[in-house]
Amino acid sequence: MANEAVLRLEGRSNRRPRQRIGEVVIITIVLAYAGVLLIGPLAAIVWGALSSGIGEFVAQLTSPNAIAALQLTLFLAFAATAINTVFGVCVAWVLVRDDFPGKRFVNGLVDLPFAASPVIAGYMLILLFGRNGWLTPVADLLGVKIVFAIPGMLLATLFVSMPFVVREVMPLLAHVGTTQEMAAYTMGAGPWQTFWRVTLPSIRWGLFYGISLTFARAIGEFGAVLVVSGGVTGYTETATLFIFRALDDRNPAGAYAMALTLGLTSFVVLLVMEYFKKRSSPMPS
């Protein structure tokens, strides 16, 4: 028995160096992978944006076309985030708290923007609101131009950024349950008062995390917006379309400057997301 115990200890001691070597190899591979795909491109963007000097960088970002592109991008991002936040909470509420025929089908449709290409989404909008689109008569009756205009770009941005609030709020709604809400009702609180005083505080961190994801997705959208915008400089050109046009016009300084601006914005949003992610983790009961 003693000999067997000694042999087992020796086997464990022999395996530990091998395990450490394997861990070092895996960590090295992961760091190399992240460096090639993340750090390398970021370093290239920073170098390209600042290689011509700070003056050129500022000049490119303060040009009228760049300012118009940034303003339109922020408008679309904030508008899509606000709309998707309101309707996302409503959809999450219905999917968690109610049962109805076709619930699984609707739940699956929420993830459609994850599976469908943004280019396809833009093409669908053209089929719906284009010259001979199915819903074009309705748009003409209302006097609203959808395709190759800002409303179509907003619809495209809404589509690609729609699922995030829903998917972040649903688990928290299911986790908190309805006990506190029922208690509020028995104490005389109305539906809106219960939502603002009981439900919203319980889901606020998950909601903020979903809002951050929605904004980050909206600010970097390219494919769907490219299809439905027309890319008119100064009118329907977003920041991502500005980068695309700058490269096509052989203006790498402008493309790098705008890419670095969007990259820094995304980095700030990432920090906010990580903060909300930690706060949104359900506390152990």
Foldseek 3Di string as FASTA:
>chain_A
DVVVVVVVVVVVVVVVVVVVVVVVVVVVVVVVVCCVPPVVVLVVLVCLQDVVHPVLLVVLCPDLLNVLQAVLLVVLLVVLLVVLLVVLVVLLCCLQPHDDPCSVVVVVVLCVLVVDDLLVVLVVVCCQCNPPHPCVVVCVVVPHRQFQASNVLSVSLNNNLNNLLNVLQNVQPNVVDCPQVVVCVVVPDDPVRSCVPPVCVSRVLSSQLSSLSSSLSSSPDDNSLVSRNVCDRSGSRHLNNQLVVCVVVVNSNSNSSSVSVSVVVSVVSVVSNVVSVVVRPDDDD
